[in-house]
Amino acid sequence: MEELVEVIAKNIVDQPKKVETAIKNDDGVTVIELSVADDDMGKVIGKQGRIARAIRKVVKASATKEGKKVELKIK
């Protein structure tokens, strides 16, 4: 799951070297924290949050297929 988020983010941003992900577990829910450069934040979020919503849907679909609960936080 973490690799999926990282690959998607690196293909969207201008500074892929600054893309970082971290995983935390919170009451049975896996939380993936995505950090990007300040200049790339708008590209990851998109207009009205469309890109962020799409990334979350892909991650949720992948997690559901594996029987897991995953949440994505963009920092």
PDB file of N, CA and C in Angstrom:
ATOM      1  N   MET A   1       0.823  -1.186   0.000  1.00  0.00           N
ATOM      2  CA  MET A   1       0.000   0.000   0.000  1.00  0.00           C
ATOM      3  C   MET A   1       0.873   1.259   0.000  1.00  0.00           C
ATOM      4  N   GLU A   2       1.880   1.253   0.839  1.00  0.00           N
ATOM      5  CA  GLU A   2       2.776   2.407   0.940  1.00  0.00           C
ATOM      6  C   GLU A   2       3.484   2.653  -0.389  1.00  0.00           C
ATOM      7  N   GLU A   3       3.898   1.589  -1.044  1.00  0.00           N
ATOM      8  CA  GLU A   3       4.583   1.719  -2.325  1.00  0.00           C
ATOM      9  C   GLU A   3       3.654   2.290  -3.384  1.00  0.00           C
ATOM     10  N   LEU A   4       2.392   1.897  -3.344  1.00  0.00           N
ATOM     11  CA  LEU A   4       1.400   2.391  -4.289  1.00  0.00           C
ATOM     12  C   LEU A   4       1.250   3.907  -4.166  1.00  0.00           C
ATOM     13  N   VAL A   5       1.113   4.389  -2.948  1.00  0.00           N
ATOM     14  CA  VAL A   5       0.981   5.827  -2.707  1.00  0.00           C
ATOM     15  C   VAL A   5       2.238   6.557  -3.174  1.00  0.00           C
ATOM     16  N   GLU A   6       3.381   5.993  -2.868  1.00  0.00           N
ATOM     17  CA  GLU A   6       4.653   6.616  -3.237  1.00  0.00           C
ATOM     18  C   GLU A   6       4.816   6.710  -4.754  1.00  0.00           C
ATOM     19  N   VAL A   7       4.475   5.660  -5.465  1.00  0.00           N
ATOM     20  CA  VAL A   7       4.592   5.658  -6.930  1.00  0.00           C
ATOM     21  C   VAL A   7       3.652   6.688  -7.544  1.00  0.00           C
ATOM     22  N   ILE A   8       2.429   6.726  -7.073  1.00  0.00           N
ATOM     23  CA  ILE A   8       1.461   7.696  -7.604  1.00  0.00           C
ATOM     24  C   ILE A   8       1.956   9.111  -7.355  1.00  0.00           C
ATOM     25  N   ALA A   9       2.372   9.403  -6.127  1.00  0.00           N
ATOM     26  CA  ALA A   9       2.814  10.749  -5.773  1.00  0.00           C
ATOM     27  C   ALA A   9       4.047  11.167  -6.563  1.00  0.00           C
ATOM     28  N   LYS A  10       5.001  10.268  -6.720  1.00  0.00           N
ATOM     29  CA  LYS A  10       6.231  10.612  -7.441  1.00  0.00           C
ATOM     30  C   LYS A  10       5.965  10.932  -8.904  1.00  0.00           C
ATOM     31  N   ASN A  11       4.922  10.352  -9.476  1.00  0.00           N
ATOM     32  CA  ASN A  11       4.593  10.631 -10.867  1.00  0.00           C
ATOM     33  C   ASN A  11       3.797  11.917 -11.043  1.00  0.00           C
ATOM     34  N   ILE A  12       3.290  12.484  -9.966  1.00  0.00           N
ATOM     35  CA  ILE A  12       2.507  13.710 -10.038  1.00  0.00           C
ATOM     36  C   ILE A  12       3.371  14.947  -9.799  1.00  0.00           C
ATOM     37  N   VAL A  13       4.304  14.862  -8.872  1.00  0.00           N
ATOM     38  CA  VAL A  13       5.046  16.037  -8.401  1.00  0.00           C
ATOM     39  C   VAL A  13       6.245  16.387  -9.282  1.00  0.00           C
ATOM     40  N   ASP A  14       6.766  17.606  -9.076  1.00  0.00           N
ATOM     41  CA  ASP A  14       7.966  18.063  -9.776  1.00  0.00           C
ATOM     42  C   ASP A  14       9.246  17.620  -9.073  1.00  0.00           C
ATOM     43  N   GLN A  15       9.165  17.403  -7.764  1.00  0.00           N
ATOM     44  CA  GLN A  15      10.336  17.030  -6.965  1.00  0.00           C
ATOM     45  C   GLN A  15      10.109  15.644  -6.334  1.00  0.00           C
ATOM     46  N   PRO A  16      10.239  14.587  -7.129  1.00  0.00           N
ATOM     47  CA  PRO A  16       9.948  13.245  -6.602  1.00  0.00           C
ATOM     48  C   PRO A  16      10.893  12.789  -5.493  1.00  0.00           C
ATOM     49  N   LYS A  17      12.079  13.380  -5.405  1.00  0.00           N
ATOM     50  CA  LYS A  17      13.011  12.987  -4.345  1.00  0.00           C
ATOM     51  C   LYS A  17      12.525  13.405  -2.965  1.00  0.00           C
ATOM     52  N   LYS A  18      11.609  14.378  -2.909  1.00  0.00           N
ATOM     53  CA  LYS A  18      11.108  14.862  -1.625  1.00  0.00           C
ATOM     54  C   LYS A  18       9.823  14.164  -1.187  1.00  0.00           C
ATOM     55  N   VAL A  19       9.380  13.173  -1.940  1.00  0.00           N
ATOM     56  CA  VAL A  19       8.194  12.401  -1.564  1.00  0.00           C
ATOM     57  C   VAL A  19       8.590  11.391  -0.495  1.00  0.00           C
ATOM     58  N   GLU A  20       7.872  11.421   0.619  1.00  0.00           N
ATOM     59  CA  GLU A  20       8.134  10.495   1.715  1.00  0.00           C
ATOM     60  C   GLU A  20       6.820   9.919   2.216  1.00  0.00           C
ATOM     61  N   THR A  21       6.856   8.662   2.597  1.00  0.00           N
ATOM     62  CA  THR A  21       5.686   8.027   3.188  1.00  0.00           C
ATOM     63  C   THR A  21       6.070   7.384   4.510  1.00  0.00           C
ATOM     64  N   ALA A  22       5.113   7.340   5.397  1.00  0.00           N
ATOM     65  CA  ALA A  22       5.305   6.690   6.692  1.00  0.00           C
ATOM     66  C   ALA A  22       4.020   5.948   7.037  1.00  0.00           C
ATOM     67  N   ILE A  23       4.167   4.839   7.738  1.00  0.00           N
ATOM     68  CA  ILE A  23       3.003   4.032   8.117  1.00  0.00           C
ATOM     69  C   ILE A  23       2.864   4.036   9.633  1.00  0.00           C
ATOM     70  N   LYS A  24       1.622   4.212  10.075  1.00  0.00           N
ATOM     71  CA  LYS A  24       1.300   4.121  11.494  1.00  0.00           C
ATOM     72  C   LYS A  24       0.056   3.258  11.632  1.00  0.00           C
ATOM     73  N   ASN A  25      -0.043   2.537  12.714  1.00  0.00           N
ATOM     74  CA  ASN A  25      -1.237   1.738  12.987  1.00  0.00           C
ATOM     75  C   ASN A  25      -2.022   2.397  14.099  1.00  0.00           C
ATOM     76  N   ASP A  26      -3.339   2.529  13.884  1.00  0.00           N
ATOM     77  CA  ASP A  26      -4.205   3.198  14.852  1.00  0.00           C
ATOM     78  C   ASP A  26      -5.502   2.406  14.974  1.00  0.00           C
ATOM     79  N   ASP A  27      -5.634   1.627  16.025  1.00  0.00           N
ATOM     80  CA  ASP A  27      -6.839   0.820  16.283  1.00  0.00           C
ATOM     81  C   ASP A  27      -7.247  -0.039  15.097  1.00  0.00           C
ATOM     82  N   GLY A  28      -6.316  -0.765  14.529  1.00  0.00           N
ATOM     83  CA  GLY A  28      -6.611  -1.667  13.431  1.00  0.00           C
ATOM     84  C   GLY A  28      -6.689  -1.005  12.069  1.00  0.00           C
ATOM     85  N   VAL A  29      -6.488   0.309  12.034  1.00  0.00           N
ATOM     86  CA  VAL A  29      -6.494   1.042  10.769  1.00  0.00           C
ATOM     87  C   VAL A  29      -5.064   1.454  10.453  1.00  0.00           C
ATOM     88  N   THR A  30      -4.609   1.133   9.269  1.00  0.00           N
ATOM     89  CA  THR A  30      -3.279   1.530   8.831  1.00  0.00           C
ATOM     90  C   THR A  30      -3.366   2.939   8.268  1.00  0.00           C
ATOM     91  N   VAL A  31      -2.576   3.844   8.821  1.00  0.00           N
ATOM     92  CA  VAL A  31      -2.553   5.233   8.375  1.00  0.00           C
ATOM     93  C   VAL A  31      -1.268   5.460   7.587  1.00  0.00           C
ATOM     94  N   ILE A  32      -1.420   5.863   6.343  1.00  0.00           N
ATOM     95  CA  ILE A  32      -0.274   6.183   5.502  1.00  0.00           C
ATOM     96  C   ILE A  32      -0.163   7.697   5.438  1.00  0.00           C
ATOM     97  N   GLU A  33       0.973   8.216   5.880  1.00  0.00           N
ATOM     98  CA  GLU A  33       1.210   9.658   5.850  1.00  0.00           C
ATOM     99  C   GLU A  33       2.099   9.978   4.659  1.00  0.00           C
ATOM    100  N   LEU A  34       1.619  10.861   3.797  1.00  0.00           N
ATOM    101  CA  LEU A  34       2.343  11.258   2.596  1.00  0.00           C
ATOM    102  C   LEU A  34       2.848  12.679   2.768  1.00  0.00           C
ATOM    103  N   SER A  35       4.152  12.871   2.595  1.00  0.00           N
ATOM    104  CA  SER A  35       4.760  14.200   2.670  1.00  0.00           C
ATOM    105  C   SER A  35       5.398  14.515   1.324  1.00  0.00           C
ATOM    106  N   VAL A  36       5.153  15.730   0.844  1.00  0.00           N
ATOM    107  CA  VAL A  36       5.755  16.197  -0.400  1.00  0.00           C
ATOM    108  C   VAL A  36       6.318  17.590  -0.168  1.00  0.00           C
ATOM    109  N   ALA A  37       7.084  18.091  -1.129  1.00  0.00           N
ATOM    110  CA  ALA A  37       7.619  19.451  -1.036  1.00  0.00           C
ATOM    111  C   ALA A  37       6.459  20.447  -1.012  1.00  0.00           C
ATOM    112  N   ASP A  38       6.666  21.574  -0.349  1.00  0.00           N
ATOM    113  CA  ASP A  38       5.622  22.594  -0.241  1.00  0.00           C
ATOM    114  C   ASP A  38       5.122  23.041  -1.611  1.00  0.00           C
ATOM    115  N   ASP A  39       6.017  23.163  -2.573  1.00  0.00           N
ATOM    116  CA  ASP A  39       5.639  23.599  -3.913  1.00  0.00           C
ATOM    117  C   ASP A  39       4.766  22.571  -4.633  1.00  0.00           C
ATOM    118  N   ASP A  40       4.847  21.319  -4.252  1.00  0.00           N
ATOM    119  CA  ASP A  40       4.095  20.256  -4.907  1.00  0.00           C
ATOM    120  C   ASP A  40       2.778  19.910  -4.211  1.00  0.00           C
ATOM    121  N   MET A  41       2.506  20.530  -3.089  1.00  0.00           N
ATOM    122  CA  MET A  41       1.303  20.203  -2.328  1.00  0.00           C
ATOM    123  C   MET A  41       0.036  20.399  -3.160  1.00  0.00           C
ATOM    124  N   GLY A  42      -0.021  21.467  -3.916  1.00  0.00           N
ATOM    125  CA  GLY A  42      -1.195  21.734  -4.744  1.00  0.00           C
ATOM    126  C   GLY A  42      -1.401  20.683  -5.818  1.00  0.00           C
ATOM    127  N   LYS A  43      -0.323  20.143  -6.326  1.00  0.00           N
ATOM    128  CA  LYS A  43      -0.427  19.118  -7.363  1.00  0.00           C
ATOM    129  C   LYS A  43      -0.970  17.813  -6.793  1.00  0.00           C
ATOM    130  N   VAL A  44      -0.624  17.511  -5.567  1.00  0.00           N
ATOM    131  CA  VAL A  44      -1.091  16.273  -4.937  1.00  0.00           C
ATOM    132  C   VAL A  44      -2.550  16.410  -4.507  1.00  0.00           C
ATOM    133  N   ILE A  45      -2.929  17.596  -4.082  1.00  0.00           N
ATOM    134  CA  ILE A  45      -4.306  17.808  -3.644  1.00  0.00           C
ATOM    135  C   ILE A  45      -5.229  18.025  -4.848  1.00  0.00           C
ATOM    136  N   GLY A  46      -4.796  18.829  -5.806  1.00  0.00           N
ATOM    137  CA  GLY A  46      -5.602  19.077  -7.002  1.00  0.00           C
ATOM    138  C   GLY A  46      -6.700  20.087  -6.754  1.00  0.00           C
ATOM    139  N   LYS A  47      -7.349  20.494  -7.831  1.00  0.00           N
ATOM    140  CA  LYS A  47      -8.450  21.452  -7.720  1.00  0.00           C
ATOM    141  C   LYS A  47      -9.594  20.818  -6.957  1.00  0.00           C
ATOM    142  N   GLN A  48     -10.035  21.505  -5.926  1.00  0.00           N
ATOM    143  CA  GLN A  48     -11.127  21.063  -5.056  1.00  0.00           C
ATOM    144  C   GLN A  48     -10.878  19.670  -4.470  1.00  0.00           C
ATOM    145  N   GLY A  49      -9.604  19.289  -4.352  1.00  0.00           N
ATOM    146  CA  GLY A  49      -9.246  18.025  -3.721  1.00  0.00           C
ATOM    147  C   GLY A  49      -9.460  16.792  -4.588  1.00  0.00           C
ATOM    148  N   ARG A  50      -9.611  16.988  -5.885  1.00  0.00           N
ATOM    149  CA  ARG A  50      -9.920  15.859  -6.768  1.00  0.00           C
ATOM    150  C   ARG A  50      -8.804  14.824  -6.833  1.00  0.00           C
ATOM    151  N   ILE A  51      -7.558  15.273  -6.928  1.00  0.00           N
ATOM    152  CA  ILE A  51      -6.434  14.325  -7.027  1.00  0.00           C
ATOM    153  C   ILE A  51      -6.299  13.544  -5.727  1.00  0.00           C
ATOM    154  N   ALA A  52      -6.368  14.250  -4.594  1.00  0.00           N
ATOM    155  CA  ALA A  52      -6.261  13.582  -3.287  1.00  0.00           C
ATOM    156  C   ALA A  52      -7.390  12.566  -3.122  1.00  0.00           C
ATOM    157  N   ARG A  53      -8.589  12.930  -3.519  1.00  0.00           N
ATOM    158  CA  ARG A  53      -9.728  12.023  -3.422  1.00  0.00           C
ATOM    159  C   ARG A  53      -9.511  10.786  -4.296  1.00  0.00           C
ATOM    160  N   ALA A  54      -8.971  10.986  -5.494  1.00  0.00           N
ATOM    161  CA  ALA A  54      -8.710   9.860  -6.397  1.00  0.00           C
ATOM    162  C   ALA A  54      -7.652   8.924  -5.822  1.00  0.00           C
ATOM    163  N   ILE A  55      -6.588   9.495  -5.262  1.00  0.00           N
ATOM    164  CA  ILE A  55      -5.546   8.665  -4.651  1.00  0.00           C
ATOM    165  C   ILE A  55      -6.138   7.857  -3.494  1.00  0.00           C
ATOM    166  N   ARG A  56      -6.961   8.504  -2.678  1.00  0.00           N
ATOM    167  CA  ARG A  56      -7.585   7.803  -1.547  1.00  0.00           C
ATOM    168  C   ARG A  56      -8.482   6.663  -2.026  1.00  0.00           C
ATOM    169  N   LYS A  57      -9.209   6.874  -3.123  1.00  0.00           N
ATOM    170  CA  LYS A  57     -10.081   5.820  -3.655  1.00  0.00           C
ATOM    171  C   LYS A  57      -9.275   4.624  -4.137  1.00  0.00           C
ATOM    172  N   VAL A  58      -8.165   4.882  -4.808  1.00  0.00           N
ATOM    173  CA  VAL A  58      -7.320   3.792  -5.299  1.00  0.00           C
ATOM    174  C   VAL A  58      -6.740   3.010  -4.124  1.00  0.00           C
ATOM    175  N   VAL A  59      -6.269   3.727  -3.116  1.00  0.00           N
ATOM    176  CA  VAL A  59      -5.693   3.071  -1.935  1.00  0.00           C
ATOM    177  C   VAL A  59      -6.759   2.273  -1.192  1.00  0.00           C
ATOM    178  N   LYS A  60      -7.942   2.846  -1.057  1.00  0.00           N
ATOM    179  CA  LYS A  60      -9.018   2.152  -0.359  1.00  0.00           C
ATOM    180  C   LYS A  60      -9.434   0.895  -1.115  1.00  0.00           C
ATOM    181  N   ALA A  61      -9.505   0.974  -2.445  1.00  0.00           N
ATOM    182  CA  ALA A  61      -9.869  -0.188  -3.247  1.00  0.00           C
ATOM    183  C   ALA A  61      -8.827  -1.296  -3.095  1.00  0.00           C
ATOM    184  N   SER A  62      -7.575  -0.920  -3.108  1.00  0.00           N
ATOM    185  CA  SER A  62      -6.496  -1.897  -2.948  1.00  0.00           C
ATOM    186  C   SER A  62      -6.540  -2.518  -1.547  1.00  0.00           C
ATOM    187  N   ALA A  63      -6.807  -1.697  -0.556  1.00  0.00           N
ATOM    188  CA  ALA A  63      -6.869  -2.195   0.822  1.00  0.00           C
ATOM    189  C   ALA A  63      -8.062  -3.121   1.020  1.00  0.00           C
ATOM    190  N   THR A  64      -9.183  -2.776   0.435  1.00  0.00           N
ATOM    191  CA  THR A  64     -10.374  -3.608   0.552  1.00  0.00           C
ATOM    192  C   THR A  64     -10.136  -4.974  -0.073  1.00  0.00           C
ATOM    193  N   LYS A  65      -9.429  -4.980  -1.184  1.00  0.00           N
ATOM    194  CA  LYS A  65      -9.101  -6.239  -1.865  1.00  0.00           C
ATOM    195  C   LYS A  65      -8.272  -7.149  -0.964  1.00  0.00           C
ATOM    196  N   GLU A  66      -7.409  -6.524  -0.134  1.00  0.00           N
ATOM    197  CA  GLU A  66      -6.564  -7.283   0.789  1.00  0.00           C
ATOM    198  C   GLU A  66      -7.217  -7.493   2.154  1.00  0.00           C
ATOM    199  N   GLY A  67      -8.418  -6.952   2.341  1.00  0.00           N
ATOM    200  CA  GLY A  67      -9.122  -7.107   3.608  1.00  0.00           C
ATOM    201  C   GLY A  67      -8.582  -6.225   4.715  1.00  0.00           C
ATOM    202  N   LYS A  68      -8.044  -5.075   4.361  1.00  0.00           N
ATOM    203  CA  LYS A  68      -7.467  -4.157   5.351  1.00  0.00           C
ATOM    204  C   LYS A  68      -8.212  -2.831   5.329  1.00  0.00           C
ATOM    205  N   LYS A  69      -8.015  -2.046   6.379  1.00  0.00           N
ATOM    206  CA  LYS A  69      -8.545  -0.682   6.437  1.00  0.00           C
ATOM    207  C   LYS A  69      -7.363   0.270   6.397  1.00  0.00           C
ATOM    208  N   VAL A  70      -7.381   1.183   5.427  1.00  0.00           N
ATOM    209  CA  VAL A  70      -6.273   2.108   5.243  1.00  0.00           C
ATOM    210  C   VAL A  70      -6.806   3.522   5.117  1.00  0.00           C
ATOM    211  N   GLU A  71      -6.082   4.456   5.715  1.00  0.00           N
ATOM    212  CA  GLU A  71      -6.412   5.876   5.631  1.00  0.00           C
ATOM    213  C   GLU A  71      -5.179   6.613   5.134  1.00  0.00           C
ATOM    214  N   LEU A  72      -5.383   7.596   4.266  1.00  0.00           N
ATOM    215  CA  LEU A  72      -4.276   8.377   3.728  1.00  0.00           C
ATOM    216  C   LEU A  72      -4.337   9.787   4.272  1.00  0.00           C
ATOM    217  N   LYS A  73      -3.232  10.236   4.856  1.00  0.00           N
ATOM    218  CA  LYS A  73      -3.113  11.625   5.330  1.00  0.00           C
ATOM    219  C   LYS A  73      -2.008  12.298   4.524  1.00  0.00           C
ATOM    220  N   ILE A  74      -2.335  13.457   3.987  1.00  0.00           N
ATOM    221  CA  ILE A  74      -1.352  14.205   3.200  1.00  0.00           C
ATOM    222  C   ILE A  74      -0.858  15.356   4.049  1.00  0.00           C
ATOM    223  N   LYS A  75       0.478  15.396   4.221  1.00  0.00           N
ATOM    224  CA  LYS A  75       1.074  16.450   5.040  1.00  0.00           C
ATOM    225  C   LYS A  75       1.899  17.362   4.189  1.00  0.00           C
TER     226      LYS A  75
END
